[in-house]
C-alpha cells in the first residue's frame, strides 16, 4: 500500500482502508477508493486520470492473488521445516506431535499409527 501513499498521498490509515476494501472486494467501497485514488494521484503527482485508473487496476489485480501467494510461501517454509524435523529427529518430532494433540484423542491414534509405521 506504499504505492497508494506515494502516488495518491494516502496516509497509513487510509492506505489500510484501501487494503481492506481490496481484500473484501466490495464493489461500492472499491469504486469509492478508486475515486479517492485517482483524485489523489492528480493532486499529489499530476498523474492523469486514465493513467491513475490503470495503476489502480494493477493494484486491484495484485490484491486478488498477492495475499494468497504470501501465505502459500509461509506455509511452504513451515512444511519444509516440519518435514526436516520429521526426517532427522523422528522420536522428538512424534513426541512433540503427541504432546500437542492431547486434547484430540483421534489425532493421538494417527500419531501412534505413524510411529508404528516408521519403526
PDB file of N, CA and C in Angstrom:
ATOM      1  N   UNK A   1       0.811  -1.190   0.000  1.00  0.00           N
ATOM      2  CA  UNK A   1       0.000   0.000   0.000  1.00  0.00           C
ATOM      3  C   UNK A   1       0.859   1.260   0.000  1.00  0.00           C
ATOM      4  N   UNK A   2       2.147   1.035  -0.017  1.00  0.00           N
ATOM      5  CA  UNK A   2       3.049   2.171  -0.117  1.00  0.00           C
ATOM      6  C   UNK A   2       2.840   2.896  -1.443  1.00  0.00           C
ATOM      7  N   UNK A   3       2.433   2.171  -2.469  1.00  0.00           N
ATOM      8  CA  UNK A   3       2.165   2.806  -3.763  1.00  0.00           C
ATOM      9  C   UNK A   3       1.057   3.843  -3.626  1.00  0.00           C
ATOM     10  N   UNK A   4       0.026   3.530  -2.853  1.00  0.00           N
ATOM     11  CA  UNK A   4      -1.071   4.478  -2.647  1.00  0.00           C
ATOM     12  C   UNK A   4      -0.583   5.700  -1.874  1.00  0.00           C
ATOM     13  N   UNK A   5       0.326   5.490  -0.935  1.00  0.00           N
ATOM     14  CA  UNK A   5       0.874   6.612  -0.172  1.00  0.00           C
ATOM     15  C   UNK A   5       1.698   7.529  -1.064  1.00  0.00           C
ATOM     16  N   UNK A   6       2.575   6.955  -1.857  1.00  0.00           N
ATOM     17  CA  UNK A   6       3.479   7.751  -2.686  1.00  0.00           C
ATOM     18  C   UNK A   6       2.745   8.407  -3.848  1.00  0.00           C
ATOM     19  N   UNK A   7       1.903   7.636  -4.530  1.00  0.00           N
ATOM     20  CA  UNK A   7       1.257   8.149  -5.740  1.00  0.00           C
ATOM     21  C   UNK A   7       0.065   9.052  -5.456  1.00  0.00           C
ATOM     22  N   UNK A   8      -0.740   8.693  -4.449  1.00  0.00           N
ATOM     23  CA  UNK A   8      -2.001   9.403  -4.243  1.00  0.00           C
ATOM     24  C   UNK A   8      -2.070  10.144  -2.913  1.00  0.00           C
ATOM     25  N   UNK A   9      -0.981  10.143  -2.155  1.00  0.00           N
ATOM     26  CA  UNK A   9      -0.968  10.891  -0.911  1.00  0.00           C
ATOM     27  C   UNK A   9      -1.787  10.284   0.212  1.00  0.00           C
ATOM     28  N   UNK A  10      -1.991   8.972   0.174  1.00  0.00           N
ATOM     29  CA  UNK A  10      -2.727   8.294   1.241  1.00  0.00           C
ATOM     30  C   UNK A  10      -1.929   8.353   2.543  1.00  0.00           C
ATOM     31  N   UNK A  11      -2.626   8.439   3.653  1.00  0.00           N
ATOM     32  CA  UNK A  11      -1.992   8.271   4.954  1.00  0.00           C
ATOM     33  C   UNK A  11      -1.889   6.773   5.221  1.00  0.00           C
ATOM     34  N   UNK A  12      -1.183   6.384   6.282  1.00  0.00           N
ATOM     35  CA  UNK A  12      -1.112   4.961   6.624  1.00  0.00           C
ATOM     36  C   UNK A  12      -2.503   4.404   6.898  1.00  0.00           C
ATOM     37  N   UNK A  13      -3.321   5.159   7.601  1.00  0.00           N
ATOM     38  CA  UNK A  13      -4.676   4.712   7.923  1.00  0.00           C
ATOM     39  C   UNK A  13      -5.548   4.556   6.686  1.00  0.00           C
ATOM     40  N   UNK A  14      -5.489   5.538   5.794  1.00  0.00           N
ATOM     41  CA  UNK A  14      -6.323   5.451   4.587  1.00  0.00           C
ATOM     42  C   UNK A  14      -5.798   4.359   3.647  1.00  0.00           C
ATOM     43  N   UNK A  15      -4.489   4.137   3.630  1.00  0.00           N
ATOM     44  CA  UNK A  15      -3.939   3.041   2.822  1.00  0.00           C
ATOM     45  C   UNK A  15      -4.410   1.693   3.355  1.00  0.00           C
ATOM     46  N   UNK A  16      -4.544   1.592   4.678  1.00  0.00           N
ATOM     47  CA  UNK A  16      -5.054   0.355   5.266  1.00  0.00           C
ATOM     48  C   UNK A  16      -6.521   0.153   4.899  1.00  0.00           C
ATOM     49  N   UNK A  17      -7.282   1.243   4.857  1.00  0.00           N
ATOM     50  CA  UNK A  17      -8.680   1.135   4.411  1.00  0.00           C
ATOM     51  C   UNK A  17      -8.751   0.659   2.962  1.00  0.00           C
ATOM     52  N   UNK A  18      -7.852   1.163   2.137  1.00  0.00           N
ATOM     53  CA  UNK A  18      -7.788   0.712   0.744  1.00  0.00           C
ATOM     54  C   UNK A  18      -7.465  -0.778   0.688  1.00  0.00           C
ATOM     55  N   UNK A  19      -6.493  -1.212   1.490  1.00  0.00           N
ATOM     56  CA  UNK A  19      -6.122  -2.635   1.529  1.00  0.00           C
ATOM     57  C   UNK A  19      -7.301  -3.501   1.923  1.00  0.00           C
ATOM     58  N   UNK A  20      -8.028  -3.053   2.955  1.00  0.00           N
ATOM     59  CA  UNK A  20      -9.194  -3.829   3.404  1.00  0.00           C
ATOM     60  C   UNK A  20     -10.265  -3.888   2.330  1.00  0.00           C
ATOM     61  N   UNK A  21     -10.501  -2.765   1.657  1.00  0.00           N
ATOM     62  CA  UNK A  21     -11.516  -2.728   0.596  1.00  0.00           C
ATOM     63  C   UNK A  21     -11.145  -3.695  -0.524  1.00  0.00           C
ATOM     64  N   UNK A  22      -9.860  -3.722  -0.865  1.00  0.00           N
ATOM     65  CA  UNK A  22      -9.418  -4.648  -1.921  1.00  0.00           C
ATOM     66  C   UNK A  22      -9.543  -6.100  -1.470  1.00  0.00           C
ATOM     67  N   UNK A  23      -9.268  -6.349  -0.217  1.00  0.00           N
ATOM     68  CA  UNK A  23      -9.369  -7.707   0.307  1.00  0.00           C
ATOM     69  C   UNK A  23     -10.792  -8.216   0.349  1.00  0.00           C
ATOM     70  N   UNK A  24     -11.732  -7.334   0.682  1.00  0.00           N
ATOM     71  CA  UNK A  24     -13.140  -7.727   0.787  1.00  0.00           C
ATOM     72  C   UNK A  24     -13.833  -7.755  -0.574  1.00  0.00           C
ATOM     73  N   UNK A  25     -13.265  -7.028  -1.547  1.00  0.00           N
ATOM     74  CA  UNK A  25     -13.813  -6.968  -2.912  1.00  0.00           C
ATOM     75  C   UNK A  25     -15.257  -6.464  -2.944  1.00  0.00           C
ATOM     76  N   UNK A  26     -15.543  -5.454  -2.120  1.00  0.00           N
ATOM     77  CA  UNK A  26     -16.869  -4.836  -2.136  1.00  0.00           C
ATOM     78  C   UNK A  26     -16.890  -3.779  -3.228  1.00  0.00           C
ATOM     79  N   UNK A  27     -17.796  -3.943  -4.191  1.00  0.00           N
ATOM     80  CA  UNK A  27     -17.819  -3.073  -5.368  1.00  0.00           C
ATOM     81  C   UNK A  27     -18.018  -1.608  -4.998  1.00  0.00           C
ATOM     82  N   UNK A  28     -18.927  -1.331  -4.074  1.00  0.00           N
ATOM     83  CA  UNK A  28     -19.221   0.055  -3.694  1.00  0.00           C
ATOM     84  C   UNK A  28     -18.003   0.723  -3.049  1.00  0.00           C
ATOM     85  N   UNK A  29     -17.363   0.012  -2.145  1.00  0.00           N
ATOM     86  CA  UNK A  29     -16.183   0.554  -1.465  1.00  0.00           C
ATOM     87  C   UNK A  29     -15.011   0.702  -2.439  1.00  0.00           C
ATOM     88  N   UNK A  30     -14.871  -0.248  -3.361  1.00  0.00           N
ATOM     89  CA  UNK A  30     -13.797  -0.160  -4.341  1.00  0.00           C
ATOM     90  C   UNK A  30     -13.978   1.048  -5.261  1.00  0.00           C
ATOM     91  N   UNK A  31     -15.222   1.323  -5.665  1.00  0.00           N
ATOM     92  CA  UNK A  31     -15.485   2.486  -6.512  1.00  0.00           C
ATOM     93  C   UNK A  31     -15.144   3.779  -5.775  1.00  0.00           C
ATOM     94  N   UNK A  32     -15.477   3.826  -4.494  1.00  0.00           N
ATOM     95  CA  UNK A  32     -15.168   4.992  -3.657  1.00  0.00           C
ATOM     96  C   UNK A  32     -13.653   5.175  -3.547  1.00  0.00           C
ATOM     97  N   UNK A  33     -12.936   4.071  -3.301  1.00  0.00           N
ATOM     98  CA  UNK A  33     -11.487   4.137  -3.163  1.00  0.00           C
ATOM     99  C   UNK A  33     -10.817   4.498  -4.489  1.00  0.00           C
ATOM    100  N   UNK A  34     -11.357   4.005  -5.579  1.00  0.00           N
ATOM    101  CA  UNK A  34     -10.808   4.349  -6.897  1.00  0.00           C
ATOM    102  C   UNK A  34     -10.899   5.850  -7.120  1.00  0.00           C
ATOM    103  N   UNK A  35     -12.036   6.427  -6.791  1.00  0.00           N
ATOM    104  CA  UNK A  35     -12.225   7.865  -6.959  1.00  0.00           C
ATOM    105  C   UNK A  35     -11.221   8.649  -6.108  1.00  0.00           C
ATOM    106  N   UNK A  36     -11.053   8.231  -4.854  1.00  0.00           N
ATOM    107  CA  UNK A  36     -10.091   8.892  -3.957  1.00  0.00           C
ATOM    108  C   UNK A  36      -8.673   8.746  -4.514  1.00  0.00           C
ATOM    109  N   UNK A  37      -8.345   7.550  -5.011  1.00  0.00           N
ATOM    110  CA  UNK A  37      -7.010   7.280  -5.546  1.00  0.00           C
ATOM    111  C   UNK A  37      -6.728   8.147  -6.768  1.00  0.00           C
ATOM    112  N   UNK A  38      -7.678   8.202  -7.698  1.00  0.00           N
ATOM    113  CA  UNK A  38      -7.493   8.967  -8.936  1.00  0.00           C
ATOM    114  C   UNK A  38      -7.333  10.457  -8.623  1.00  0.00           C
ATOM    115  N   UNK A  39      -8.176  10.978  -7.740  1.00  0.00           N
ATOM    116  CA  UNK A  39      -8.073  12.392  -7.356  1.00  0.00           C
ATOM    117  C   UNK A  39      -6.754  12.672  -6.643  1.00  0.00           C
ATOM    118  N   UNK A  40      -6.344  11.763  -5.781  1.00  0.00           N
ATOM    119  CA  UNK A  40      -5.080  11.926  -5.073  1.00  0.00           C
ATOM    120  C   UNK A  40      -3.888  11.909  -6.014  1.00  0.00           C
ATOM    121  N   UNK A  41      -3.920  11.014  -6.991  1.00  0.00           N
ATOM    122  CA  UNK A  41      -2.835  10.956  -7.976  1.00  0.00           C
ATOM    123  C   UNK A  41      -2.724  12.267  -8.750  1.00  0.00           C
ATOM    124  N   UNK A  42      -3.869  12.825  -9.118  1.00  0.00           N
ATOM    125  CA  UNK A  42      -3.868  14.095  -9.852  1.00  0.00           C
ATOM    126  C   UNK A  42      -3.333  15.225  -8.981  1.00  0.00           C
ATOM    127  N   UNK A  43      -3.756  15.247  -7.720  1.00  0.00           N
ATOM    128  CA  UNK A  43      -3.366  16.333  -6.819  1.00  0.00           C
ATOM    129  C   UNK A  43      -1.893  16.252  -6.400  1.00  0.00           C
ATOM    130  N   UNK A  44      -1.440  15.059  -6.036  1.00  0.00           N
ATOM    131  CA  UNK A  44      -0.097  14.898  -5.478  1.00  0.00           C
ATOM    132  C   UNK A  44       0.977  14.828  -6.557  1.00  0.00           C
ATOM    133  N   UNK A  45       0.724  14.100  -7.631  1.00  0.00           N
ATOM    134  CA  UNK A  45       1.765  13.851  -8.639  1.00  0.00           C
ATOM    135  C   UNK A  45       1.383  14.250 -10.059  1.00  0.00           C
ATOM    136  N   UNK A  46       0.271  14.927 -10.230  1.00  0.00           N
ATOM    137  CA  UNK A  46      -0.193  15.349 -11.562  1.00  0.00           C
ATOM    138  C   UNK A  46      -0.302  14.176 -12.536  1.00  0.00           C
ATOM    139  N   UNK A  47      -0.764  13.048 -12.031  1.00  0.00           N
ATOM    140  CA  UNK A  47      -0.948  11.865 -12.883  1.00  0.00           C
ATOM    141  C   UNK A  47      -2.339  11.963 -13.497  1.00  0.00           C
ATOM    142  N   UNK A  48      -2.439  11.860 -14.832  1.00  0.00           N
ATOM    143  CA  UNK A  48      -3.756  11.953 -15.473  1.00  0.00           C
ATOM    144  C   UNK A  48      -4.673  10.795 -15.057  1.00  0.00           C
ATOM    145  N   UNK A  49      -5.965  11.060 -15.086  1.00  0.00           N
ATOM    146  CA  UNK A  49      -6.964  10.088 -14.626  1.00  0.00           C
ATOM    147  C   UNK A  49      -6.850   8.731 -15.327  1.00  0.00           C
ATOM    148  N   UNK A  50      -6.665   8.669 -16.661  1.00  0.00           N
ATOM    149  CA  UNK A  50      -6.557   7.342 -17.296  1.00  0.00           C
ATOM    150  C   UNK A  50      -5.371   6.523 -16.764  1.00  0.00           C
ATOM    151  N   UNK A  51      -4.245   7.204 -16.549  1.00  0.00           N
ATOM    152  CA  UNK A  51      -3.065   6.509 -16.033  1.00  0.00           C
ATOM    153  C   UNK A  51      -3.299   6.068 -14.584  1.00  0.00           C
ATOM    154  N   UNK A  52      -3.925   6.925 -13.787  1.00  0.00           N
ATOM    155  CA  UNK A  52      -4.227   6.582 -12.392  1.00  0.00           C
ATOM    156  C   UNK A  52      -5.174   5.391 -12.323  1.00  0.00           C
ATOM    157  N   UNK A  53      -6.164   5.355 -13.214  1.00  0.00           N
ATOM    158  CA  UNK A  53      -7.085   4.213 -13.260  1.00  0.00           C
ATOM    159  C   UNK A  53      -6.355   2.938 -13.654  1.00  0.00           C
ATOM    160  N   UNK A  54      -5.398   3.067 -14.561  1.00  0.00           N
ATOM    161  CA  UNK A  54      -4.607   1.905 -14.973  1.00  0.00           C
ATOM    162  C   UNK A  54      -3.776   1.383 -13.791  1.00  0.00           C
ATOM    163  N   UNK A  55      -3.182   2.293 -13.036  1.00  0.00           N
ATOM    164  CA  UNK A  55      -2.399   1.902 -11.869  1.00  0.00           C
ATOM    165  C   UNK A  55      -3.296   1.238 -10.831  1.00  0.00           C
ATOM    166  N   UNK A  56      -4.478   1.818 -10.607  1.00  0.00           N
ATOM    167  CA  UNK A  56      -5.412   1.241  -9.641  1.00  0.00           C
ATOM    168  C   UNK A  56      -5.816  -0.168 -10.063  1.00  0.00           C
ATOM    169  N   UNK A  57      -6.019  -0.371 -11.369  1.00  0.00           N
ATOM    170  CA  UNK A  57      -6.357  -1.705 -11.871  1.00  0.00           C
ATOM    171  C   UNK A  57      -5.247  -2.706 -11.558  1.00  0.00           C
ATOM    172  N   UNK A  58      -3.993  -2.276 -11.687  1.00  0.00           N
ATOM    173  CA  UNK A  58      -2.863  -3.162 -11.363  1.00  0.00           C
ATOM    174  C   UNK A  58      -2.842  -3.499  -9.872  1.00  0.00           C
ATOM    175  N   UNK A  59      -3.078  -2.495  -9.026  1.00  0.00           N
ATOM    176  CA  UNK A  59      -3.131  -2.747  -7.579  1.00  0.00           C
ATOM    177  C   UNK A  59      -4.258  -3.715  -7.237  1.00  0.00           C
ATOM    178  N   UNK A  60      -5.384  -3.510  -7.866  1.00  0.00           N
ATOM    179  CA  UNK A  60      -6.563  -4.358  -7.624  1.00  0.00           C
ATOM    180  C   UNK A  60      -6.296  -5.797  -8.068  1.00  0.00           C
ATOM    181  N   UNK A  61      -5.630  -5.938  -9.205  1.00  0.00           N
ATOM    182  CA  UNK A  61      -5.305  -7.271  -9.714  1.00  0.00           C
ATOM    183  C   UNK A  61      -4.358  -7.992  -8.754  1.00  0.00           C
ATOM    184  N   UNK A  62      -3.339  -7.277  -8.257  1.00  0.00           N
ATOM    185  CA  UNK A  62      -2.399  -7.882  -7.324  1.00  0.00           C
ATOM    186  C   UNK A  62      -3.098  -8.287  -6.029  1.00  0.00           C
ATOM    187  N   UNK A  63      -4.053  -7.484  -5.570  1.00  0.00           N
ATOM    188  CA  UNK A  63      -4.765  -7.787  -4.324  1.00  0.00           C
ATOM    189  C   UNK A  63      -5.498  -9.118  -4.424  1.00  0.00           C
ATOM    190  N   UNK A  64      -5.864  -9.518  -5.649  1.00  0.00           N
ATOM    191  CA  UNK A  64      -6.571 -10.771  -5.830  1.00  0.00           C
ATOM    192  C   UNK A  64      -5.739 -12.000  -5.533  1.00  0.00           C
ATOM    193  N   UNK A  65      -4.419 -11.919  -5.775  1.00  0.00           N
ATOM    194  CA  UNK A  65      -3.585 -13.101  -5.553  1.00  0.00           C
ATOM    195  C   UNK A  65      -2.395 -12.856  -4.632  1.00  0.00           C
ATOM    196  N   UNK A  66      -2.008 -11.631  -4.409  1.00  0.00           N
ATOM    197  CA  UNK A  66      -0.816 -11.336  -3.619  1.00  0.00           C
ATOM    198  C   UNK A  66      -0.888 -11.856  -2.203  1.00  0.00           C
ATOM    199  N   UNK A  67      -2.020 -11.684  -1.568  1.00  0.00           N
ATOM    200  CA  UNK A  67      -2.202 -12.154  -0.199  1.00  0.00           C
ATOM    201  C   UNK A  67      -2.086 -13.668  -0.145  1.00  0.00           C
ATOM    202  N   UNK A  68      -2.747 -14.346  -1.053  1.00  0.00           N
ATOM    203  CA  UNK A  68      -2.693 -15.811  -1.086  1.00  0.00           C
ATOM    204  C   UNK A  68      -1.283 -16.310  -1.370  1.00  0.00           C
ATOM    205  N   UNK A  69      -0.579 -15.608  -2.245  1.00  0.00           N
ATOM    206  CA  UNK A  69       0.775 -16.019  -2.605  1.00  0.00           C
ATOM    207  C   UNK A  69       1.717 -15.906  -1.407  1.00  0.00           C
ATOM    208  N   UNK A  70       1.576 -14.844  -0.626  1.00  0.00           N
ATOM    209  CA  UNK A  70       2.456 -14.684   0.533  1.00  0.00           C
ATOM    210  C   UNK A  70       2.159 -15.749   1.581  1.00  0.00           C
ATOM    211  N   UNK A  71       0.892 -16.095   1.744  1.00  0.00           N
ATOM    212  CA  UNK A  71       0.551 -17.147   2.701  1.00  0.00           C
ATOM    213  C   UNK A  71       1.055 -18.503   2.217  1.00  0.00           C
ATOM    214  N   UNK A  72       0.980 -18.739   0.928  1.00  0.00           N
ATOM    215  CA  UNK A  72       1.474 -20.001   0.386  1.00  0.00           C
ATOM    216  C   UNK A  72       2.975 -20.132   0.632  1.00  0.00           C
ATOM    217  N   UNK A  73       3.702 -19.044   0.490  1.00  0.00           N
ATOM    218  CA  UNK A  73       5.148 -19.080   0.734  1.00  0.00           C
ATOM    219  C   UNK A  73       5.434 -19.376   2.209  1.00  0.00           C
ATOM    220  N   UNK A  74       4.677 -18.758   3.094  1.00  0.00           N
ATOM    221  CA  UNK A  74       4.886 -19.002   4.527  1.00  0.00           C
ATOM    222  C   UNK A  74       4.564 -20.453   4.884  1.00  0.00           C
ATOM    223  N   UNK A  75       3.490 -20.993   4.333  1.00  0.00           N
ATOM    224  CA  UNK A  75       3.139 -22.381   4.602  1.00  0.00           C
ATOM    225  C   UNK A  75       4.188 -23.332   4.023  1.00  0.00           C
ATOM    226  N   UNK A  76       4.774 -22.982   2.896  1.00  0.00           N
ATOM    227  CA  UNK A  76       5.815 -23.826   2.302  1.00  0.00           C
ATOM    228  C   UNK A  76       7.026 -23.905   3.224  1.00  0.00           C
ATOM    229  N   UNK A  77       7.383 -22.802   3.830  1.00  0.00           N
ATOM    230  CA  UNK A  77       8.521 -22.794   4.764  1.00  0.00           C
ATOM    231  C   UNK A  77       8.217 -23.684   5.967  1.00  0.00           C
ATOM    232  N   UNK A  78       7.011 -23.551   6.517  1.00  0.00           N
ATOM    233  CA  UNK A  78       6.629 -24.378   7.670  1.00  0.00           C
ATOM    234  C   UNK A  78       6.602 -25.854   7.277  1.00  0.00           C
ATOM    235  N   UNK A  79       6.099 -26.168   6.099  1.00  0.00           N
ATOM    236  CA  UNK A  79       6.056 -27.563   5.645  1.00  0.00           C
ATOM    237  C   UNK A  79       7.465 -28.128   5.488  1.00  0.00           C
ATOM    238  N   UNK A  80       8.365 -27.335   4.944  1.00  0.00           N
ATOM    239  CA  UNK A  80       9.761 -27.779   4.777  1.00  0.00           C
ATOM    240  C   UNK A  80      10.402 -28.040   6.137  1.00  0.00           C
ATOM    241  N   UNK A  81      10.210 -27.116   7.071  1.00  0.00           N
ATOM    242  CA  UNK A  81      10.793 -27.288   8.401  1.00  0.00           C
ATOM    243  C   UNK A  81      10.218 -28.517   9.103  1.00  0.00           C
ATOM    244  N   UNK A  82       8.923 -28.722   8.958  1.00  0.00           N
ATOM    245  CA  UNK A  82       8.267 -29.877   9.573  1.00  0.00           C
ATOM    246  C   UNK A  82       8.811 -31.176   8.985  1.00  0.00           C
ATOM    247  N   UNK A  83       8.933 -31.219   7.670  1.00  0.00           N
ATOM    248  CA  UNK A  83       9.461 -32.424   7.021  1.00  0.00           C
ATOM    249  C   UNK A  83      10.902 -32.695   7.455  1.00  0.00           C
ATOM    250  N   UNK A  84      11.695 -31.640   7.590  1.00  0.00           N
ATOM    251  CA  UNK A  84      13.084 -31.798   8.033  1.00  0.00           C
ATOM    252  C   UNK A  84      13.136 -32.394   9.439  1.00  0.00           C
ATOM    253  N   UNK A  85      12.340 -31.845  10.338  1.00  0.00           N
ATOM    254  CA  UNK A  85      12.333 -32.344  11.715  1.00  0.00           C
ATOM    255  C   UNK A  85      11.862 -33.793  11.773  1.00  0.00           C
ATOM    256  N   UNK A  86      10.835 -34.105  10.996  1.00  0.00           N
ATOM    257  CA  UNK A  86      10.314 -35.471  11.000  1.00  0.00           C
ATOM    258  C   UNK A  86      11.342 -36.454  10.451  1.00  0.00           C
ATOM    259  N   UNK A  87      12.083 -36.051   9.429  1.00  0.00           N
ATOM    260  CA  UNK A  87      13.062 -36.944   8.819  1.00  0.00           C
ATOM    261  C   UNK A  87      14.319 -37.103   9.664  1.00  0.00           C
ATOM    262  N   UNK A  88      14.745 -36.050  10.318  1.00  0.00           N
ATOM    263  CA  UNK A  88      16.019 -36.070  11.033  1.00  0.00           C
ATOM    264  C   UNK A  88      15.909 -36.276  12.540  1.00  0.00           C
ATOM    265  N   UNK A  89      14.750 -35.988  13.086  1.00  0.00           N
ATOM    266  CA  UNK A  89      14.520 -36.152  14.532  1.00  0.00           C
ATOM    267  C   UNK A  89      13.152 -36.807  14.752  1.00  0.00           C
ATOM    268  N   UNK A  90      12.965 -38.046  14.261  1.00  0.00           N
ATOM    269  CA  UNK A  90      11.635 -38.656  14.293  1.00  0.00           C
ATOM    270  C   UNK A  90      11.080 -38.869  15.700  1.00  0.00           C
ATOM    271  N   UNK A  91      11.896 -39.280  16.644  1.00  0.00           N
ATOM    272  CA  UNK A  91      11.405 -39.530  18.007  1.00  0.00           C
ATOM    273  C   UNK A  91      10.925 -38.230  18.634  1.00  0.00           C
ATOM    274  N   UNK A  92      11.770 -37.210  18.567  1.00  0.00           N
ATOM    275  CA  UNK A  92      11.425 -35.921  19.153  1.00  0.00           C
ATOM    276  C   UNK A  92      10.210 -35.308  18.456  1.00  0.00           C
ATOM    277  N   UNK A  93      10.183 -35.480  17.139  1.00  0.00           N
ATOM    278  CA  UNK A  93       9.064 -34.930  16.366  1.00  0.00           C
ATOM    279  C   UNK A  93       7.744 -35.577  16.786  1.00  0.00           C
ATOM    280  N   UNK A  94       7.727 -36.904  16.841  1.00  0.00           N
ATOM    281  CA  UNK A  94       6.480 -37.588  17.205  1.00  0.00           C
ATOM    282  C   UNK A  94       6.087 -37.318  18.662  1.00  0.00           C
ATOM    283  N   UNK A  95       7.059 -37.188  19.546  1.00  0.00           N
ATOM    284  CA  UNK A  95       6.750 -36.828  20.939  1.00  0.00           C
ATOM    285  C   UNK A  95       6.097 -35.445  21.004  1.00  0.00           C
ATOM    286  N   UNK A  96       6.652 -34.514  20.267  1.00  0.00           N
ATOM    287  CA  UNK A  96       6.091 -33.162  20.255  1.00  0.00           C
ATOM    288  C   UNK A  96       4.687 -33.170  19.656  1.00  0.00           C
ATOM    289  N   UNK A  97       4.497 -33.941  18.601  1.00  0.00           N
ATOM    290  CA  UNK A  97       3.165 -34.037  17.987  1.00  0.00           C
ATOM    291  C   UNK A  97       2.169 -34.644  18.977  1.00  0.00           C
ATOM    292  N   UNK A  98       2.598 -35.667  19.693  1.00  0.00           N
ATOM    293  CA  UNK A  98       1.721 -36.319  20.670  1.00  0.00           C
ATOM    294  C   UNK A  98       1.361 -35.349  21.791  1.00  0.00           C
ATOM    295  N   UNK A  99       2.352 -34.610  22.274  1.00  0.00           N
ATOM    296  CA  UNK A  99       2.096 -33.646  23.354  1.00  0.00           C
ATOM    297  C   UNK A  99       1.117 -32.559  22.936  1.00  0.00           C
ATOM    298  N   UNK A 100       1.219 -32.104  21.695  1.00  0.00           N
ATOM    299  CA  UNK A 100       0.338 -31.018  21.254  1.00  0.00           C
ATOM    300  C   UNK A 100      -1.051 -31.501  20.870  1.00  0.00           C
ATOM    301  N   UNK A 101      -1.247 -32.803  20.782  1.00  0.00           N
ATOM    302  CA  UNK A 101      -2.560 -33.325  20.386  1.00  0.00           C
ATOM    303  C   UNK A 101      -3.319 -33.937  21.564  1.00  0.00           C
ATOM    304  N   UNK A 102      -2.944 -33.592  22.779  1.00  0.00           N
ATOM    305  CA  UNK A 102      -3.576 -34.192  23.957  1.00  0.00           C
ATOM    306  C   UNK A 102      -5.086 -33.944  24.005  1.00  0.00           C
ATOM    307  N   UNK A 103      -5.544 -32.856  23.463  1.00  0.00           N
ATOM    308  CA  UNK A 103      -6.975 -32.543  23.516  1.00  0.00           C
ATOM    309  C   UNK A 103      -7.777 -33.297  22.456  1.00  0.00           C
ATOM    310  N   UNK A 104      -7.105 -33.940  21.534  1.00  0.00           N
ATOM    311  CA  UNK A 104      -7.794 -34.608  20.435  1.00  0.00           C
ATOM    312  C   UNK A 104      -7.400 -36.082  20.371  1.00  0.00           C
ATOM    313  N   UNK A 105      -8.159 -36.955  21.025  1.00  0.00           N
ATOM    314  CA  UNK A 105      -7.822 -38.384  21.012  1.00  0.00           C
ATOM    315  C   UNK A 105      -7.685 -38.989  19.615  1.00  0.00           C
ATOM    316  N   UNK A 106      -8.548 -38.659  18.646  1.00  0.00           N
ATOM    317  CA  UNK A 106      -8.351 -39.246  17.308  1.00  0.00           C
ATOM    318  C   UNK A 106      -6.989 -38.889  16.705  1.00  0.00           C
ATOM    319  N   UNK A 107      -6.517 -37.682  16.964  1.00  0.00           N
ATOM    320  CA  UNK A 107      -5.210 -37.284  16.438  1.00  0.00           C
ATOM    321  C   UNK A 107      -4.106 -38.103  17.067  1.00  0.00           C
ATOM    322  N   UNK A 108      -4.255 -38.453  18.334  1.00  0.00           N
ATOM    323  CA  UNK A 108      -3.236 -39.264  19.004  1.00  0.00           C
ATOM    324  C   UNK A 108      -3.133 -40.645  18.363  1.00  0.00           C
ATOM    325  N   UNK A 109      -4.276 -41.206  17.948  1.00  0.00           N
ATOM    326  CA  UNK A 109      -4.256 -42.516  17.293  1.00  0.00           C
ATOM    327  C   UNK A 109      -3.506 -42.449  15.962  1.00  0.00           C
ATOM    328  N   UNK A 110      -3.680 -41.364  15.259  1.00  0.00           N
ATOM    329  CA  UNK A 110      -2.969 -41.183  13.987  1.00  0.00           C
ATOM    330  C   UNK A 110      -1.468 -41.101  14.243  1.00  0.00           C
ATOM    331  N   UNK A 111      -1.077 -40.385  15.288  1.00  0.00           N
ATOM    332  CA  UNK A 111       0.345 -40.238  15.617  1.00  0.00           C
ATOM    333  C   UNK A 111       0.945 -41.574  16.046  1.00  0.00           C
ATOM    334  N   UNK A 112       0.184 -42.335  16.826  1.00  0.00           N
ATOM    335  CA  UNK A 112       0.661 -43.657  17.248  1.00  0.00           C
ATOM    336  C   UNK A 112       0.820 -44.569  16.030  1.00  0.00           C
ATOM    337  N   UNK A 113      -0.139 -44.522  15.112  1.00  0.00           N
ATOM    338  CA  UNK A 113      -0.040 -45.327  13.891  1.00  0.00           C
ATOM    339  C   UNK A 113       1.173 -44.904  13.080  1.00  0.00           C
ATOM    340  N   UNK A 114       1.424 -43.607  13.017  1.00  0.00           N
ATOM    341  CA  UNK A 114       2.594 -43.103  12.301  1.00  0.00           C
ATOM    342  C   UNK A 114       3.875 -43.620  12.933  1.00  0.00           C
ATOM    343  N   UNK A 115       3.932 -43.585  14.271  1.00  0.00           N
ATOM    344  CA  UNK A 115       5.102 -44.067  14.991  1.00  0.00           C
ATOM    345  C   UNK A 115       5.341 -45.542  14.697  1.00  0.00           C
ATOM    346  N   UNK A 116       4.256 -46.334  14.708  1.00  0.00           N
ATOM    347  CA  UNK A 116       4.387 -47.767  14.463  1.00  0.00           C
ATOM    348  C   UNK A 116       4.846 -48.065  13.029  1.00  0.00           C
ATOM    349  N   UNK A 117       4.435 -47.251  12.110  1.00  0.00           N
ATOM    350  CA  UNK A 117       4.824 -47.497  10.716  1.00  0.00           C
ATOM    351  C   UNK A 117       6.255 -47.081  10.416  1.00  0.00           C
ATOM    352  N   UNK A 118       6.801 -46.130  11.210  1.00  0.00           N
ATOM    353  CA  UNK A 118       8.164 -45.682  10.966  1.00  0.00           C
ATOM    354  C   UNK A 118       9.180 -46.471  11.785  1.00  0.00           C
ATOM    355  N   UNK A 119       8.700 -47.220  12.731  1.00  0.00           N
ATOM    356  CA  UNK A 119       9.620 -48.061  13.498  1.00  0.00           C
ATOM    357  C   UNK A 119      10.004 -47.394  14.714  1.00  0.00           C
TER     358      UNK A 119
END
